[in-house]
Amino acid sequence: MSDIVIRRFFLGFIKIHILYHAKEGPVCGVEMMKELRRHGYSVSPGLIYPTLHSLEKESYLKRKEAVVRGKMRKYYEATEKGVKLLEKSRGKIRALVKEVMK
């Protein structure tokens, strides 16, 4: 599956997945790429970092920076707005899965 297809078709799933993990605790881009790959998504830095930045810009994530082994690393956590969006999304996901998986 090409990156173009992922960007167009699965970006919503990827955003929800990021929000879910960011609600559970701080996440960074590298960790999220590994997590998403574990679920079969072909995720590049060119996809994950703009997605994290857009979620931060829209106030669904908040960023904290930390030095890890001499490198500055950005960690993201879900904001209250992000958690509310995730909760609303869960109901819609349940309904979609119920219909699609008949």
C-alpha atoms as a PDB file:
ATOM      1  CA  MET A   1       0.000   0.000   0.000  1.00  0.00           C
ATOM      2  CA  SER A   2       1.479   3.357  -0.965  1.00  0.00           C
ATOM      3  CA  ASP A   3       2.056   6.246   1.432  1.00  0.00           C
ATOM      4  CA  ILE A   4      -0.457   8.294  -0.576  1.00  0.00           C
ATOM      5  CA  VAL A   5      -3.216   5.771   0.146  1.00  0.00           C
ATOM      6  CA  ILE A   6      -2.301   5.762   3.833  1.00  0.00           C
ATOM      7  CA  ARG A   7      -2.347   9.546   4.007  1.00  0.00           C
ATOM      8  CA  ARG A   8      -5.726   9.824   2.345  1.00  0.00           C
ATOM      9  CA  PHE A   9      -7.548   6.811   3.691  1.00  0.00           C
ATOM     10  CA  PHE A  10      -6.050   5.915   7.057  1.00  0.00           C
ATOM     11  CA  LEU A  11      -4.993   9.306   8.439  1.00  0.00           C
ATOM     12  CA  GLY A  12      -8.106   9.499  10.620  1.00  0.00           C
ATOM     13  CA  PHE A  13      -7.320   6.086  12.119  1.00  0.00           C
ATOM     14  CA  ILE A  14      -3.728   7.142  12.710  1.00  0.00           C
ATOM     15  CA  LYS A  15      -4.811  10.341  14.476  1.00  0.00           C
ATOM     16  CA  ILE A  16      -7.180   8.442  16.745  1.00  0.00           C
ATOM     17  CA  HIS A  17      -4.475   5.895  17.505  1.00  0.00           C
ATOM     18  CA  ILE A  18      -2.078   8.715  18.435  1.00  0.00           C
ATOM     19  CA  LEU A  19      -4.707  10.334  20.685  1.00  0.00           C
ATOM     20  CA  TYR A  20      -5.357   7.010  22.393  1.00  0.00           C
ATOM     21  CA  HIS A  21      -1.698   6.493  23.278  1.00  0.00           C
ATOM     22  CA  ALA A  22      -1.163  10.161  24.165  1.00  0.00           C
ATOM     23  CA  LYS A  23      -4.051   9.827  26.610  1.00  0.00           C
ATOM     24  CA  GLU A  24      -2.328   6.851  28.253  1.00  0.00           C
ATOM     25  CA  GLY A  25       0.964   8.754  28.632  1.00  0.00           C
ATOM     26  CA  PRO A  26       3.574  10.826  26.811  1.00  0.00           C
ATOM     27  CA  VAL A  27       4.476   9.632  23.305  1.00  0.00           C
ATOM     28  CA  CYS A  28       7.158  10.667  20.844  1.00  0.00           C
ATOM     29  CA  GLY A  29       7.239  10.341  17.074  1.00  0.00           C
ATOM     30  CA  VAL A  30       9.654   7.408  16.943  1.00  0.00           C
ATOM     31  CA  GLU A  31       7.596   5.416  19.451  1.00  0.00           C
ATOM     32  CA  MET A  32       4.370   6.120  17.584  1.00  0.00           C
ATOM     33  CA  MET A  33       5.923   5.062  14.274  1.00  0.00           C
ATOM     34  CA  LYS A  34       6.896   1.719  15.855  1.00  0.00           C
ATOM     35  CA  GLU A  35       3.445   1.290  17.409  1.00  0.00           C
ATOM     36  CA  LEU A  36       1.637   2.063  14.160  1.00  0.00           C
ATOM     37  CA  ARG A  37       3.936  -0.256  12.193  1.00  0.00           C
ATOM     38  CA  ARG A  38       3.070  -2.996  14.694  1.00  0.00           C
ATOM     39  CA  HIS A  39      -0.524  -2.552  13.516  1.00  0.00           C
ATOM     40  CA  GLY A  40       0.415  -2.770   9.853  1.00  0.00           C
ATOM     41  CA  TYR A  41       0.666   0.909   8.935  1.00  0.00           C
ATOM     42  CA  SER A  42       3.627   1.984   6.821  1.00  0.00           C
ATOM     43  CA  VAL A  43       4.420   5.204   8.645  1.00  0.00           C
ATOM     44  CA  SER A  44       7.317   7.483   7.756  1.00  0.00           C
ATOM     45  CA  PRO A  45       8.683  10.525   9.589  1.00  0.00           C
ATOM     46  CA  GLY A  46       7.116  12.572   6.781  1.00  0.00           C
ATOM     47  CA  LEU A  47       3.697  11.379   7.940  1.00  0.00           C
ATOM     48  CA  ILE A  48       4.027  11.127  11.714  1.00  0.00           C
ATOM     49  CA  TYR A  49       5.664  14.455  12.517  1.00  0.00           C
ATOM     50  CA  PRO A  50       3.296  16.660  10.496  1.00  0.00           C
ATOM     51  CA  THR A  51       0.394  14.725  12.056  1.00  0.00           C
ATOM     52  CA  LEU A  52       1.714  15.298  15.586  1.00  0.00           C
ATOM     53  CA  HIS A  53       2.275  18.979  14.811  1.00  0.00           C
ATOM     54  CA  SER A  54      -1.217  19.424  13.387  1.00  0.00           C
ATOM     55  CA  LEU A  55      -2.792  17.725  16.422  1.00  0.00           C
ATOM     56  CA  GLU A  56      -0.780  20.062  18.643  1.00  0.00           C
ATOM     57  CA  LYS A  57      -1.748  23.113  16.589  1.00  0.00           C
ATOM     58  CA  GLU A  58      -5.421  22.122  16.897  1.00  0.00           C
ATOM     59  CA  SER A  59      -4.933  21.791  20.705  1.00  0.00           C
ATOM     60  CA  TYR A  60      -5.588  18.033  20.827  1.00  0.00           C
ATOM     61  CA  LEU A  61      -2.018  17.419  22.015  1.00  0.00           C
ATOM     62  CA  LYS A  62       0.376  19.384  24.173  1.00  0.00           C
ATOM     63  CA  ARG A  63       4.127  19.127  23.737  1.00  0.00           C
ATOM     64  CA  LYS A  64       6.861  18.840  26.329  1.00  0.00           C
ATOM     65  CA  GLU A  65      10.546  18.718  25.533  1.00  0.00           C
ATOM     66  CA  ALA A  66      13.204  16.688  27.330  1.00  0.00           C
ATOM     67  CA  VAL A  67      16.857  15.881  26.772  1.00  0.00           C
ATOM     68  CA  VAL A  68      17.307  12.136  26.294  1.00  0.00           C
ATOM     69  CA  ARG A  69      20.853  10.824  25.854  1.00  0.00           C
ATOM     70  CA  GLY A  70      22.045  14.251  24.803  1.00  0.00           C
ATOM     71  CA  LYS A  71      19.254  14.825  22.267  1.00  0.00           C
ATOM     72  CA  MET A  72      16.226  17.074  22.568  1.00  0.00           C
ATOM     73  CA  ARG A  73      13.112  14.925  22.277  1.00  0.00           C
ATOM     74  CA  LYS A  74       9.517  16.121  21.944  1.00  0.00           C
ATOM     75  CA  TYR A  75       6.849  14.256  23.876  1.00  0.00           C
ATOM     76  CA  TYR A  76       3.143  14.698  23.334  1.00  0.00           C
ATOM     77  CA  GLU A  77       0.231  14.181  25.705  1.00  0.00           C
ATOM     78  CA  ALA A  78      -3.483  14.438  25.024  1.00  0.00           C
ATOM     79  CA  THR A  79      -5.155  17.635  26.169  1.00  0.00           C
ATOM     80  CA  GLU A  80      -8.644  17.733  27.657  1.00  0.00           C
ATOM     81  CA  LYS A  81      -9.892  18.658  24.175  1.00  0.00           C
ATOM     82  CA  GLY A  82      -8.041  15.638  22.732  1.00  0.00           C
ATOM     83  CA  VAL A  83      -9.528  13.290  25.323  1.00  0.00           C
ATOM     84  CA  LYS A  84     -13.034  14.594  24.561  1.00  0.00           C
ATOM     85  CA  LEU A  85     -12.477  14.048  20.842  1.00  0.00           C
ATOM     86  CA  LEU A  86     -11.245  10.521  21.524  1.00  0.00           C
ATOM     87  CA  GLU A  87     -14.342   9.759  23.603  1.00  0.00           C
ATOM     88  CA  LYS A  88     -16.655  11.054  20.843  1.00  0.00           C
ATOM     89  CA  SER A  89     -14.692   9.033  18.295  1.00  0.00           C
ATOM     90  CA  ARG A  90     -15.113   5.788  20.229  1.00  0.00           C
ATOM     91  CA  GLY A  91     -18.887   5.793  19.778  1.00  0.00           C
ATOM     92  CA  LYS A  92     -18.562   6.476  16.080  1.00  0.00           C
ATOM     93  CA  ILE A  93     -15.910   3.765  15.724  1.00  0.00           C
ATOM     94  CA  ARG A  94     -18.140   1.229  17.506  1.00  0.00           C
ATOM     95  CA  ALA A  95     -21.038   1.999  15.176  1.00  0.00           C
ATOM     96  CA  LEU A  96     -18.797   1.835  12.098  1.00  0.00           C
ATOM     97  CA  VAL A  97     -17.183  -1.461  13.129  1.00  0.00           C
ATOM     98  CA  LYS A  98     -20.570  -2.980  13.931  1.00  0.00           C
ATOM     99  CA  GLU A  99     -21.858  -2.085  10.465  1.00  0.00           C
ATOM    100  CA  VAL A 100     -18.718  -2.894   8.467  1.00  0.00           C
ATOM    101  CA  MET A 101     -17.997  -6.190  10.231  1.00  0.00           C
ATOM    102  CA  LYS A 102     -21.460  -7.741   9.654  1.00  0.00           C
END
